[in-house]
Amino acid sequence: MIDYSVITDQELAKMLALGDQTAFAEIYSRYKFILYNHAWNKTRDKQEAQDTLQEVFAMIWSKRATITIGNNLSGYLYTCVRNHILNVIVRKNTHNKYTSSILEFAETGPVLTDHLVRENQLKALIEREIAALSPRMRQVFELSRKQHLSHKQIAEIMGTSEETVKKQMSRALKSLRLKLGLPVFLLMLLFYR
């Protein structure tokens, strides 16, 4: 019977690659306390250190035939522990970023989205009512409220008097107020100053 406690790390690594469970158990026995302390020093969390140790040794066993340990088993094990801890930190940071992003969206996203949808619906309603005005009233309204022209400028463009433009604008606003209702009409005035 082989005394695994006297076998070198290099020989244990070779035996591990061949699937020797006792060699794996000996590697675990030799390094579990040292690696646990290494993991605890990095995480300062007993449970995290234990989980790291279990994950690393489970990975080593499952990939025993494909991993290349080389001549330095202890260095390989330390590197595995360090990399596992770094991966956990990266996953936690990524998880925290996504979680905070989702929480932020949950707090503000739907409200903002709902607000934008309602605003677009109101604008569409207002635009339909503007389009329903008589052609002259619509032209006066659009030149005044969308292109921000003065009554005098509109009168010059349309070849009419400034007084006619004022009357057309007054009728357009009155018609829109009646069709839209006062609250929506007031919002329209905010959209088209």
N, C-alpha and C. Protein backbone atom coordinates (compact mmCIF):
# COMPACT_ATOMS: atom_id res chain seq x y z
N MET A 1 0.84 -1.18 0.00
CA MET A 1 0.00 0.00 0.00
C MET A 1 0.89 1.24 0.00
N ILE A 2 0.44 2.28 -0.79
CA ILE A 2 1.23 3.49 -0.96
C ILE A 2 0.95 4.45 0.20
N ASP A 3 2.03 5.04 0.74
CA ASP A 3 1.89 6.07 1.77
C ASP A 3 1.90 7.43 1.06
N TYR A 4 0.72 7.98 0.83
CA TYR A 4 0.59 9.22 0.06
C TYR A 4 1.18 10.44 0.77
N SER A 5 1.34 10.35 2.09
CA SER A 5 1.86 11.50 2.83
C SER A 5 3.32 11.80 2.50
N VAL A 6 4.05 10.85 1.93
CA VAL A 6 5.46 11.05 1.62
C VAL A 6 5.70 11.33 0.13
N ILE A 7 4.65 11.28 -0.65
CA ILE A 7 4.78 11.51 -2.09
C ILE A 7 4.91 13.02 -2.34
N THR A 8 5.73 13.41 -3.29
CA THR A 8 5.94 14.82 -3.60
C THR A 8 4.70 15.41 -4.27
N ASP A 9 4.64 16.74 -4.23
CA ASP A 9 3.52 17.44 -4.87
C ASP A 9 3.47 17.15 -6.37
N GLN A 10 4.62 17.08 -7.00
CA GLN A 10 4.66 16.80 -8.44
C GLN A 10 4.06 15.44 -8.75
N GLU A 11 4.41 14.44 -7.96
CA GLU A 11 3.89 13.09 -8.16
C GLU A 11 2.38 13.05 -7.88
N LEU A 12 1.95 13.77 -6.83
CA LEU A 12 0.52 13.83 -6.52
C LEU A 12 -0.25 14.48 -7.67
N ALA A 13 0.32 15.52 -8.27
CA ALA A 13 -0.34 16.19 -9.39
C ALA A 13 -0.48 15.24 -10.57
N LYS A 14 0.55 14.44 -10.84
CA LYS A 14 0.49 13.46 -11.93
C LYS A 14 -0.57 12.40 -11.64
N MET A 15 -0.60 11.94 -10.39
CA MET A 15 -1.58 10.91 -10.01
C MET A 15 -3.01 11.47 -10.07
N LEU A 16 -3.15 12.74 -9.69
CA LEU A 16 -4.45 13.41 -9.78
C LEU A 16 -4.94 13.43 -11.22
N ALA A 17 -4.05 13.77 -12.15
CA ALA A 17 -4.41 13.84 -13.57
C ALA A 17 -4.90 12.49 -14.08
N LEU A 18 -4.43 11.41 -13.46
CA LEU A 18 -4.86 10.06 -13.85
C LEU A 18 -6.15 9.63 -13.14
N GLY A 19 -6.66 10.49 -12.26
CA GLY A 19 -7.93 10.19 -11.60
C GLY A 19 -7.78 9.51 -10.25
N ASP A 20 -6.65 9.58 -9.62
CA ASP A 20 -6.41 8.94 -8.33
C ASP A 20 -7.09 9.76 -7.22
N GLN A 21 -8.15 9.21 -6.66
CA GLN A 21 -8.92 9.92 -5.63
C GLN A 21 -8.12 10.10 -4.34
N THR A 22 -7.29 9.14 -4.01
CA THR A 22 -6.50 9.24 -2.79
C THR A 22 -5.45 10.34 -2.94
N ALA A 23 -4.88 10.50 -4.11
CA ALA A 23 -3.92 11.59 -4.35
C ALA A 23 -4.66 12.93 -4.19
N PHE A 24 -5.87 13.01 -4.71
CA PHE A 24 -6.67 14.23 -4.56
C PHE A 24 -6.94 14.50 -3.09
N ALA A 25 -7.31 13.47 -2.32
CA ALA A 25 -7.56 13.63 -0.88
C ALA A 25 -6.31 14.09 -0.16
N GLU A 26 -5.14 13.60 -0.56
CA GLU A 26 -3.87 14.01 0.07
C GLU A 26 -3.57 15.48 -0.25
N ILE A 27 -3.80 15.91 -1.48
CA ILE A 27 -3.59 17.31 -1.85
C ILE A 27 -4.51 18.19 -1.01
N TYR A 28 -5.75 17.76 -0.87
CA TYR A 28 -6.71 18.52 -0.07
C TYR A 28 -6.23 18.62 1.38
N SER A 29 -5.79 17.49 1.94
CA SER A 29 -5.33 17.48 3.34
C SER A 29 -4.11 18.39 3.53
N ARG A 30 -3.20 18.40 2.59
CA ARG A 30 -1.98 19.20 2.71
C ARG A 30 -2.27 20.71 2.64
N TYR A 31 -3.22 21.07 1.83
CA TYR A 31 -3.38 22.49 1.52
C TYR A 31 -4.66 23.15 2.03
N LYS A 32 -5.57 22.37 2.60
CA LYS A 32 -6.87 22.96 2.95
C LYS A 32 -6.74 24.10 3.97
N PHE A 33 -5.90 23.95 4.99
CA PHE A 33 -5.79 24.99 6.02
C PHE A 33 -5.06 26.23 5.48
N ILE A 34 -4.01 25.99 4.74
CA ILE A 34 -3.24 27.11 4.19
C ILE A 34 -4.09 27.90 3.19
N LEU A 35 -4.80 27.18 2.33
CA LEU A 35 -5.63 27.85 1.32
C LEU A 35 -6.84 28.52 1.97
N TYR A 36 -7.37 27.88 3.03
CA TYR A 36 -8.48 28.51 3.74
C TYR A 36 -8.03 29.85 4.34
N ASN A 37 -6.87 29.86 4.97
CA ASN A 37 -6.33 31.10 5.55
C ASN A 37 -6.06 32.15 4.48
N HIS A 38 -5.55 31.71 3.34
CA HIS A 38 -5.30 32.62 2.22
C HIS A 38 -6.62 33.24 1.75
N ALA A 39 -7.64 32.41 1.61
CA ALA A 39 -8.95 32.90 1.17
C ALA A 39 -9.56 33.82 2.23
N TRP A 40 -9.41 33.46 3.50
CA TRP A 40 -9.97 34.30 4.57
C TRP A 40 -9.27 35.66 4.61
N ASN A 41 -7.95 35.66 4.41
CA ASN A 41 -7.22 36.93 4.39
C ASN A 41 -7.70 37.84 3.27
N LYS A 42 -8.10 37.27 2.16
CA LYS A 42 -8.58 38.06 1.02
C LYS A 42 -10.03 38.51 1.20
N THR A 43 -10.87 37.66 1.80
CA THR A 43 -12.31 37.96 1.87
C THR A 43 -12.75 38.47 3.24
N ARG A 44 -12.04 38.08 4.29
CA ARG A 44 -12.42 38.39 5.68
C ARG A 44 -13.83 37.88 6.00
N ASP A 45 -14.15 36.74 5.39
CA ASP A 45 -15.47 36.14 5.58
C ASP A 45 -15.28 34.62 5.63
N LYS A 46 -15.62 34.01 6.78
CA LYS A 46 -15.41 32.56 6.95
C LYS A 46 -16.16 31.75 5.91
N GLN A 47 -17.43 32.07 5.73
CA GLN A 47 -18.26 31.31 4.78
C GLN A 47 -17.74 31.46 3.36
N GLU A 48 -17.36 32.67 3.01
CA GLU A 48 -16.82 32.91 1.67
C GLU A 48 -15.51 32.13 1.47
N ALA A 49 -14.68 32.09 2.50
CA ALA A 49 -13.42 31.36 2.41
C ALA A 49 -13.68 29.87 2.25
N GLN A 50 -14.64 29.32 3.01
CA GLN A 50 -14.98 27.91 2.88
C GLN A 50 -15.55 27.61 1.49
N ASP A 51 -16.44 28.49 1.02
CA ASP A 51 -17.02 28.31 -0.31
C ASP A 51 -15.94 28.34 -1.38
N THR A 52 -14.98 29.24 -1.22
CA THR A 52 -13.88 29.35 -2.18
C THR A 52 -13.08 28.06 -2.23
N LEU A 53 -12.75 27.54 -1.05
CA LEU A 53 -12.00 26.29 -0.97
C LEU A 53 -12.75 25.15 -1.65
N GLN A 54 -14.03 25.03 -1.37
CA GLN A 54 -14.84 23.96 -1.98
C GLN A 54 -14.92 24.12 -3.49
N GLU A 55 -15.13 25.34 -3.94
CA GLU A 55 -15.24 25.60 -5.38
C GLU A 55 -13.93 25.27 -6.10
N VAL A 56 -12.82 25.69 -5.51
CA VAL A 56 -11.52 25.45 -6.13
C VAL A 56 -11.23 23.96 -6.21
N PHE A 57 -11.43 23.25 -5.14
CA PHE A 57 -11.15 21.81 -5.17
C PHE A 57 -12.14 21.05 -6.05
N ALA A 58 -13.37 21.48 -6.10
CA ALA A 58 -14.35 20.85 -7.00
C ALA A 58 -13.93 21.07 -8.45
N MET A 59 -13.46 22.27 -8.77
CA MET A 59 -13.00 22.57 -10.13
C MET A 59 -11.77 21.73 -10.48
N ILE A 60 -10.85 21.61 -9.52
CA ILE A 60 -9.63 20.83 -9.78
C ILE A 60 -9.99 19.37 -10.05
N TRP A 61 -10.90 18.83 -9.28
CA TRP A 61 -11.28 17.43 -9.50
C TRP A 61 -12.00 17.27 -10.84
N SER A 62 -12.91 18.17 -11.14
CA SER A 62 -13.68 18.01 -12.38
C SER A 62 -12.81 18.23 -13.63
N LYS A 63 -11.74 19.01 -13.52
CA LYS A 63 -10.89 19.29 -14.67
C LYS A 63 -9.52 18.62 -14.54
N ARG A 64 -9.43 17.63 -13.70
CA ARG A 64 -8.13 17.01 -13.39
C ARG A 64 -7.40 16.50 -14.63
N ALA A 65 -8.12 16.03 -15.62
CA ALA A 65 -7.46 15.46 -16.81
C ALA A 65 -6.99 16.54 -17.78
N THR A 66 -7.52 17.75 -17.67
CA THR A 66 -7.18 18.77 -18.66
C THR A 66 -6.32 19.91 -18.10
N ILE A 67 -6.26 20.05 -16.78
CA ILE A 67 -5.48 21.15 -16.22
C ILE A 67 -3.99 20.82 -16.25
N THR A 68 -3.19 21.88 -16.33
CA THR A 68 -1.74 21.72 -16.32
C THR A 68 -1.23 22.39 -15.06
N ILE A 69 -0.87 21.59 -14.08
CA ILE A 69 -0.42 22.12 -12.80
C ILE A 69 1.05 22.51 -12.85
N GLY A 70 1.84 21.77 -13.56
CA GLY A 70 3.27 22.08 -13.66
C GLY A 70 4.04 21.59 -12.45
N ASN A 71 5.15 22.24 -12.15
CA ASN A 71 6.04 21.80 -11.07
C ASN A 71 5.71 22.43 -9.73
N ASN A 72 4.78 23.38 -9.69
CA ASN A 72 4.53 24.11 -8.46
C ASN A 72 3.05 23.98 -8.07
N LEU A 73 2.72 22.89 -7.38
CA LEU A 73 1.33 22.63 -6.99
C LEU A 73 0.81 23.71 -6.06
N SER A 74 1.61 24.10 -5.08
CA SER A 74 1.14 25.12 -4.13
C SER A 74 0.87 26.45 -4.83
N GLY A 75 1.76 26.83 -5.75
CA GLY A 75 1.55 28.07 -6.51
C GLY A 75 0.29 27.99 -7.36
N TYR A 76 0.07 26.83 -7.95
CA TYR A 76 -1.14 26.64 -8.77
C TYR A 76 -2.39 26.79 -7.91
N LEU A 77 -2.37 26.18 -6.72
CA LEU A 77 -3.53 26.24 -5.83
C LEU A 77 -3.78 27.67 -5.34
N TYR A 78 -2.71 28.37 -4.96
CA TYR A 78 -2.86 29.77 -4.53
C TYR A 78 -3.46 30.62 -5.65
N THR A 79 -2.97 30.40 -6.86
CA THR A 79 -3.49 31.15 -8.01
C THR A 79 -4.97 30.84 -8.24
N CYS A 80 -5.35 29.58 -8.11
CA CYS A 80 -6.76 29.21 -8.27
C CYS A 80 -7.64 29.92 -7.24
N VAL A 81 -7.17 29.94 -5.99
CA VAL A 81 -7.94 30.60 -4.93
C VAL A 81 -8.05 32.09 -5.22
N ARG A 82 -6.93 32.72 -5.55
CA ARG A 82 -6.94 34.16 -5.85
C ARG A 82 -7.88 34.47 -7.02
N ASN A 83 -7.77 33.70 -8.10
CA ASN A 83 -8.62 33.93 -9.27
C ASN A 83 -10.10 33.72 -8.96
N HIS A 84 -10.38 32.72 -8.16
CA HIS A 84 -11.78 32.48 -7.79
C HIS A 84 -12.33 33.68 -7.01
N ILE A 85 -11.55 34.17 -6.07
CA ILE A 85 -11.99 35.32 -5.27
C ILE A 85 -12.19 36.55 -6.16
N LEU A 86 -11.26 36.78 -7.07
CA LEU A 86 -11.39 37.91 -7.98
C LEU A 86 -12.64 37.78 -8.86
N ASN A 87 -12.90 36.57 -9.33
CA ASN A 87 -14.11 36.33 -10.14
C ASN A 87 -15.38 36.59 -9.34
N VAL A 88 -15.37 36.17 -8.08
CA VAL A 88 -16.53 36.42 -7.22
C VAL A 88 -16.73 37.92 -7.04
N ILE A 89 -15.64 38.64 -6.81
CA ILE A 89 -15.73 40.10 -6.64
C ILE A 89 -16.29 40.76 -7.90
N VAL A 90 -15.77 40.35 -9.05
CA VAL A 90 -16.25 40.92 -10.32
C VAL A 90 -17.74 40.61 -10.51
N ARG A 91 -18.13 39.36 -10.23
CA ARG A 91 -19.54 38.99 -10.37
C ARG A 91 -20.41 39.79 -9.41
N LYS A 92 -19.94 39.99 -8.18
CA LYS A 92 -20.71 40.78 -7.22
C LYS A 92 -20.84 42.22 -7.68
N ASN A 93 -19.73 42.79 -8.16
CA ASN A 93 -19.79 44.17 -8.64
C ASN A 93 -20.74 44.31 -9.82
N THR A 94 -20.66 43.37 -10.75
CA THR A 94 -21.55 43.38 -11.90
C THR A 94 -22.99 43.20 -11.44
N HIS A 95 -23.20 42.28 -10.54
CA HIS A 95 -24.54 42.04 -10.00
C HIS A 95 -25.08 43.30 -9.31
N ASN A 96 -24.22 43.93 -8.51
CA ASN A 96 -24.63 45.15 -7.81
C ASN A 96 -24.97 46.27 -8.78
N LYS A 97 -24.18 46.40 -9.85
CA LYS A 97 -24.46 47.43 -10.85
C LYS A 97 -25.80 47.18 -11.51
N TYR A 98 -26.04 45.92 -11.91
CA TYR A 98 -27.31 45.59 -12.56
C TYR A 98 -28.47 45.77 -11.60
N THR A 99 -28.26 45.35 -10.36
CA THR A 99 -29.33 45.48 -9.37
C THR A 99 -29.66 46.94 -9.13
N SER A 100 -28.64 47.77 -8.95
CA SER A 100 -28.91 49.19 -8.71
C SER A 100 -29.53 49.83 -9.94
N SER A 101 -29.11 49.41 -11.12
CA SER A 101 -29.70 49.93 -12.35
C SER A 101 -31.17 49.55 -12.45
N ILE A 102 -31.47 48.31 -12.13
CA ILE A 102 -32.87 47.84 -12.18
C ILE A 102 -33.70 48.56 -11.14
N LEU A 103 -33.15 48.73 -9.93
CA LEU A 103 -33.88 49.42 -8.88
C LEU A 103 -34.13 50.88 -9.26
N GLU A 104 -33.11 51.51 -9.84
CA GLU A 104 -33.27 52.89 -10.28
C GLU A 104 -34.34 52.99 -11.36
N PHE A 105 -34.31 52.04 -12.29
CA PHE A 105 -35.32 52.05 -13.34
C PHE A 105 -36.70 51.78 -12.76
N ALA A 106 -36.76 50.85 -11.80
CA ALA A 106 -38.05 50.52 -11.18
C ALA A 106 -38.64 51.73 -10.46
N GLU A 107 -37.75 52.55 -9.88
CA GLU A 107 -38.23 53.73 -9.16
C GLU A 107 -38.61 54.87 -10.10
N THR A 108 -37.86 55.04 -11.19
CA THR A 108 -38.10 56.20 -12.05
C THR A 108 -38.53 55.84 -13.46
N GLY A 109 -38.09 54.68 -13.94
CA GLY A 109 -38.32 54.31 -15.33
C GLY A 109 -39.77 54.35 -15.77
N PRO A 110 -40.64 53.57 -15.13
CA PRO A 110 -42.03 53.54 -15.58
C PRO A 110 -42.70 54.90 -15.48
N VAL A 111 -42.37 55.65 -14.44
CA VAL A 111 -42.98 56.96 -14.28
C VAL A 111 -42.56 57.85 -15.45
N LEU A 112 -41.27 57.84 -15.76
CA LEU A 112 -40.77 58.64 -16.85
C LEU A 112 -41.36 58.15 -18.18
N THR A 113 -41.37 56.84 -18.38
CA THR A 113 -41.91 56.28 -19.60
C THR A 113 -43.39 56.60 -19.72
N ASP A 114 -44.12 56.43 -18.64
CA ASP A 114 -45.55 56.72 -18.64
C ASP A 114 -45.78 58.20 -18.95
N HIS A 115 -44.96 59.04 -18.36
CA HIS A 115 -45.06 60.48 -18.59
C HIS A 115 -44.83 60.80 -20.07
N LEU A 116 -43.80 60.20 -20.66
CA LEU A 116 -43.50 60.46 -22.06
C LEU A 116 -44.61 59.95 -22.98
N VAL A 117 -45.16 58.80 -22.66
CA VAL A 117 -46.25 58.26 -23.46
C VAL A 117 -47.46 59.19 -23.40
N ARG A 118 -47.80 59.63 -22.21
CA ARG A 118 -48.94 60.54 -22.06
C ARG A 118 -48.68 61.87 -22.77
N GLU A 119 -47.46 62.36 -22.66
CA GLU A 119 -47.12 63.62 -23.33
C GLU A 119 -47.26 63.47 -24.84
N ASN A 120 -46.78 62.35 -25.38
CA ASN A 120 -46.90 62.11 -26.82
C ASN A 120 -48.36 61.98 -27.25
N GLN A 121 -49.17 61.33 -26.41
CA GLN A 121 -50.60 61.21 -26.72
C GLN A 121 -51.27 62.58 -26.73
N LEU A 122 -50.92 63.42 -25.75
CA LEU A 122 -51.49 64.77 -25.72
C LEU A 122 -51.07 65.58 -26.94
N LYS A 123 -49.78 65.48 -27.30
CA LYS A 123 -49.30 66.20 -28.47
C LYS A 123 -50.03 65.73 -29.73
N ALA A 124 -50.26 64.43 -29.84
CA ALA A 124 -50.97 63.90 -31.01
C ALA A 124 -52.41 64.42 -31.05
N LEU A 125 -53.07 64.46 -29.89
CA LEU A 125 -54.43 64.99 -29.81
C LEU A 125 -54.46 66.46 -30.22
N ILE A 126 -53.52 67.23 -29.70
CA ILE A 126 -53.44 68.66 -30.04
C ILE A 126 -53.18 68.84 -31.54
N GLU A 127 -52.26 68.06 -32.09
CA GLU A 127 -51.95 68.16 -33.51
C GLU A 127 -53.17 67.81 -34.38
N ARG A 128 -53.95 66.82 -33.95
CA ARG A 128 -55.18 66.47 -34.71
C ARG A 128 -56.15 67.64 -34.72
N GLU A 129 -56.30 68.28 -33.56
CA GLU A 129 -57.24 69.41 -33.49
C GLU A 129 -56.73 70.62 -34.27
N ILE A 130 -55.41 70.82 -34.28
CA ILE A 130 -54.84 71.91 -35.08
C ILE A 130 -55.08 71.62 -36.56
N ALA A 131 -54.88 70.36 -36.96
CA ALA A 131 -55.09 69.98 -38.35
C ALA A 131 -56.55 70.12 -38.76
N ALA A 132 -57.46 70.04 -37.80
CA ALA A 132 -58.90 70.14 -38.10
C ALA A 132 -59.36 71.59 -38.25
N LEU A 133 -58.52 72.56 -37.92
CA LEU A 133 -58.88 73.97 -38.10
C LEU A 133 -59.03 74.26 -39.59
N SER A 134 -59.73 75.36 -39.89
CA SER A 134 -59.84 75.77 -41.30
C SER A 134 -58.43 76.09 -41.80
N PRO A 135 -58.18 75.97 -43.10
CA PRO A 135 -56.82 76.16 -43.62
C PRO A 135 -56.19 77.49 -43.23
N ARG A 136 -56.92 78.57 -43.28
CA ARG A 136 -56.36 79.88 -42.94
C ARG A 136 -56.03 79.98 -41.45
N MET A 137 -56.98 79.51 -40.61
CA MET A 137 -56.72 79.55 -39.15
C MET A 137 -55.52 78.68 -38.80
N ARG A 138 -55.45 77.49 -39.41
CA ARG A 138 -54.33 76.58 -39.15
C ARG A 138 -53.01 77.24 -39.56
N GLN A 139 -52.99 77.87 -40.72
CA GLN A 139 -51.78 78.52 -41.21
C GLN A 139 -51.35 79.65 -40.26
N VAL A 140 -52.30 80.46 -39.83
CA VAL A 140 -51.99 81.55 -38.89
C VAL A 140 -51.45 80.97 -37.58
N PHE A 141 -52.13 79.94 -37.06
CA PHE A 141 -51.72 79.32 -35.79
C PHE A 141 -50.29 78.77 -35.91
N GLU A 142 -50.03 78.01 -36.95
CA GLU A 142 -48.72 77.38 -37.11
C GLU A 142 -47.61 78.41 -37.31
N LEU A 143 -47.89 79.46 -38.08
CA LEU A 143 -46.87 80.50 -38.26
C LEU A 143 -46.59 81.22 -36.95
N SER A 144 -47.65 81.41 -36.15
CA SER A 144 -47.49 82.12 -34.89
C SER A 144 -46.85 81.24 -33.82
N ARG A 145 -47.41 80.06 -33.61
CA ARG A 145 -46.99 79.23 -32.47
C ARG A 145 -45.84 78.27 -32.78
N LYS A 146 -45.71 77.84 -34.00
CA LYS A 146 -44.64 76.89 -34.32
C LYS A 146 -43.41 77.58 -34.90
N GLN A 147 -43.65 78.64 -35.68
CA GLN A 147 -42.50 79.33 -36.28
C GLN A 147 -42.19 80.64 -35.56
N HIS A 148 -43.02 80.98 -34.57
CA HIS A 148 -42.79 82.13 -33.70
C HIS A 148 -42.68 83.45 -34.47
N LEU A 149 -43.57 83.62 -35.43
CA LEU A 149 -43.60 84.87 -36.19
C LEU A 149 -44.59 85.83 -35.55
N SER A 150 -44.33 87.11 -35.72
CA SER A 150 -45.24 88.14 -35.19
C SER A 150 -46.46 88.24 -36.10
N HIS A 151 -47.51 88.88 -35.58
CA HIS A 151 -48.71 89.07 -36.40
C HIS A 151 -48.40 89.87 -37.65
N LYS A 152 -47.52 90.82 -37.53
CA LYS A 152 -47.14 91.65 -38.67
C LYS A 152 -46.44 90.80 -39.74
N GLN A 153 -45.53 89.92 -39.31
CA GLN A 153 -44.81 89.05 -40.25
C GLN A 153 -45.78 88.08 -40.94
N ILE A 154 -46.72 87.54 -40.16
CA ILE A 154 -47.71 86.62 -40.72
C ILE A 154 -48.57 87.35 -41.75
N ALA A 155 -48.98 88.56 -41.44
CA ALA A 155 -49.80 89.35 -42.37
C ALA A 155 -49.06 89.57 -43.68
N GLU A 156 -47.77 89.83 -43.61
CA GLU A 156 -46.97 90.04 -44.82
C GLU A 156 -46.89 88.76 -45.64
N ILE A 157 -46.67 87.62 -44.96
CA ILE A 157 -46.55 86.33 -45.65
C ILE A 157 -47.88 85.97 -46.33
N MET A 158 -48.98 86.18 -45.60
CA MET A 158 -50.29 85.76 -46.11
C MET A 158 -50.94 86.83 -47.00
N GLY A 159 -50.37 87.99 -47.08
CA GLY A 159 -50.93 89.05 -47.90
C GLY A 159 -52.25 89.57 -47.38
N THR A 160 -52.34 89.75 -46.08
CA THR A 160 -53.56 90.22 -45.43
C THR A 160 -53.20 91.27 -44.39
N SER A 161 -54.20 91.75 -43.70
CA SER A 161 -53.92 92.79 -42.69
C SER A 161 -53.56 92.13 -41.36
N GLU A 162 -52.89 92.93 -40.55
CA GLU A 162 -52.51 92.46 -39.21
C GLU A 162 -53.75 92.19 -38.37
N GLU A 163 -54.78 92.99 -38.55
CA GLU A 163 -56.05 92.82 -37.82
C GLU A 163 -56.70 91.48 -38.17
N THR A 164 -56.66 91.10 -39.45
CA THR A 164 -57.22 89.81 -39.87
C THR A 164 -56.45 88.66 -39.22
N VAL A 165 -55.15 88.78 -39.15
CA VAL A 165 -54.32 87.75 -38.51
C VAL A 165 -54.70 87.63 -37.04
N LYS A 166 -54.88 88.76 -36.35
CA LYS A 166 -55.27 88.72 -34.93
C LYS A 166 -56.61 88.01 -34.75
N LYS A 167 -57.58 88.31 -35.62
CA LYS A 167 -58.91 87.68 -35.53
C LYS A 167 -58.80 86.18 -35.80
N GLN A 168 -58.03 85.79 -36.82
CA GLN A 168 -57.86 84.36 -37.14
C GLN A 168 -57.21 83.63 -35.97
N MET A 169 -56.22 84.26 -35.36
CA MET A 169 -55.52 83.65 -34.22
C MET A 169 -56.47 83.52 -33.04
N SER A 170 -57.25 84.53 -32.79
CA SER A 170 -58.22 84.51 -31.69
C SER A 170 -59.25 83.40 -31.91
N ARG A 171 -59.75 83.27 -33.14
CA ARG A 171 -60.73 82.21 -33.45
C ARG A 171 -60.09 80.82 -33.31
N ALA A 172 -58.86 80.70 -33.76
CA ALA A 172 -58.15 79.41 -33.66
C ALA A 172 -57.99 79.01 -32.20
N LEU A 173 -57.57 79.92 -31.36
CA LEU A 173 -57.39 79.62 -29.93
C LEU A 173 -58.72 79.28 -29.27
N LYS A 174 -59.77 80.04 -29.62
CA LYS A 174 -61.10 79.79 -29.05
C LYS A 174 -61.60 78.41 -29.47
N SER A 175 -61.45 78.08 -30.74
CA SER A 175 -61.88 76.78 -31.24
C SER A 175 -61.11 75.64 -30.56
N LEU A 176 -59.83 75.80 -30.43
CA LEU A 176 -59.00 74.77 -29.79
C LEU A 176 -59.36 74.61 -28.31
N ARG A 177 -59.63 75.73 -27.62
CA ARG A 177 -60.01 75.66 -26.21
C ARG A 177 -61.32 74.88 -26.05
N LEU A 178 -62.28 75.11 -26.95
CA LEU A 178 -63.55 74.40 -26.87
C LEU A 178 -63.39 72.92 -27.19
N LYS A 179 -62.60 72.59 -28.19
CA LYS A 179 -62.43 71.19 -28.60
C LYS A 179 -61.57 70.40 -27.62
N LEU A 180 -60.53 71.02 -27.09
CA LEU A 180 -59.58 70.32 -26.21
C LEU A 180 -59.99 70.33 -24.75
N GLY A 181 -60.75 71.31 -24.35
CA GLY A 181 -61.04 71.48 -22.93
C GLY A 181 -59.95 72.33 -22.30
N LEU A 182 -60.27 72.97 -21.21
CA LEU A 182 -59.35 73.93 -20.62
C LEU A 182 -58.01 73.33 -20.19
N PRO A 183 -57.98 72.16 -19.47
CA PRO A 183 -56.67 71.64 -19.04
C PRO A 183 -55.73 71.32 -20.22
N VAL A 184 -56.26 70.66 -21.24
CA VAL A 184 -55.42 70.31 -22.39
C VAL A 184 -55.05 71.56 -23.17
N PHE A 185 -55.98 72.50 -23.25
CA PHE A 185 -55.71 73.76 -23.93
C PHE A 185 -54.54 74.50 -23.27
N LEU A 186 -54.53 74.51 -21.94
CA LEU A 186 -53.44 75.16 -21.21
C LEU A 186 -52.11 74.45 -21.47
N LEU A 187 -52.16 73.12 -21.53
CA LEU A 187 -50.93 72.37 -21.86
C LEU A 187 -50.47 72.71 -23.27
N MET A 188 -51.42 72.84 -24.18
CA MET A 188 -51.08 73.20 -25.55
C MET A 188 -50.34 74.54 -25.59
N LEU A 189 -50.83 75.47 -24.77
CA LEU A 189 -50.16 76.77 -24.73
C LEU A 189 -48.73 76.65 -24.24
N LEU A 190 -48.48 75.67 -23.36
CA LEU A 190 -47.10 75.43 -22.91
C LEU A 190 -46.25 74.84 -24.04
N PHE A 191 -46.85 73.91 -24.80
CA PHE A 191 -46.11 73.28 -25.91
C PHE A 191 -45.81 74.30 -27.00
N TYR A 192 -46.78 75.16 -27.29
CA TYR A 192 -46.65 76.11 -28.41
C TYR A 192 -46.68 77.53 -27.89
N ARG A 193 -45.60 77.97 -27.33
CA ARG A 193 -45.50 79.34 -26.80
C ARG A 193 -45.19 80.30 -27.91
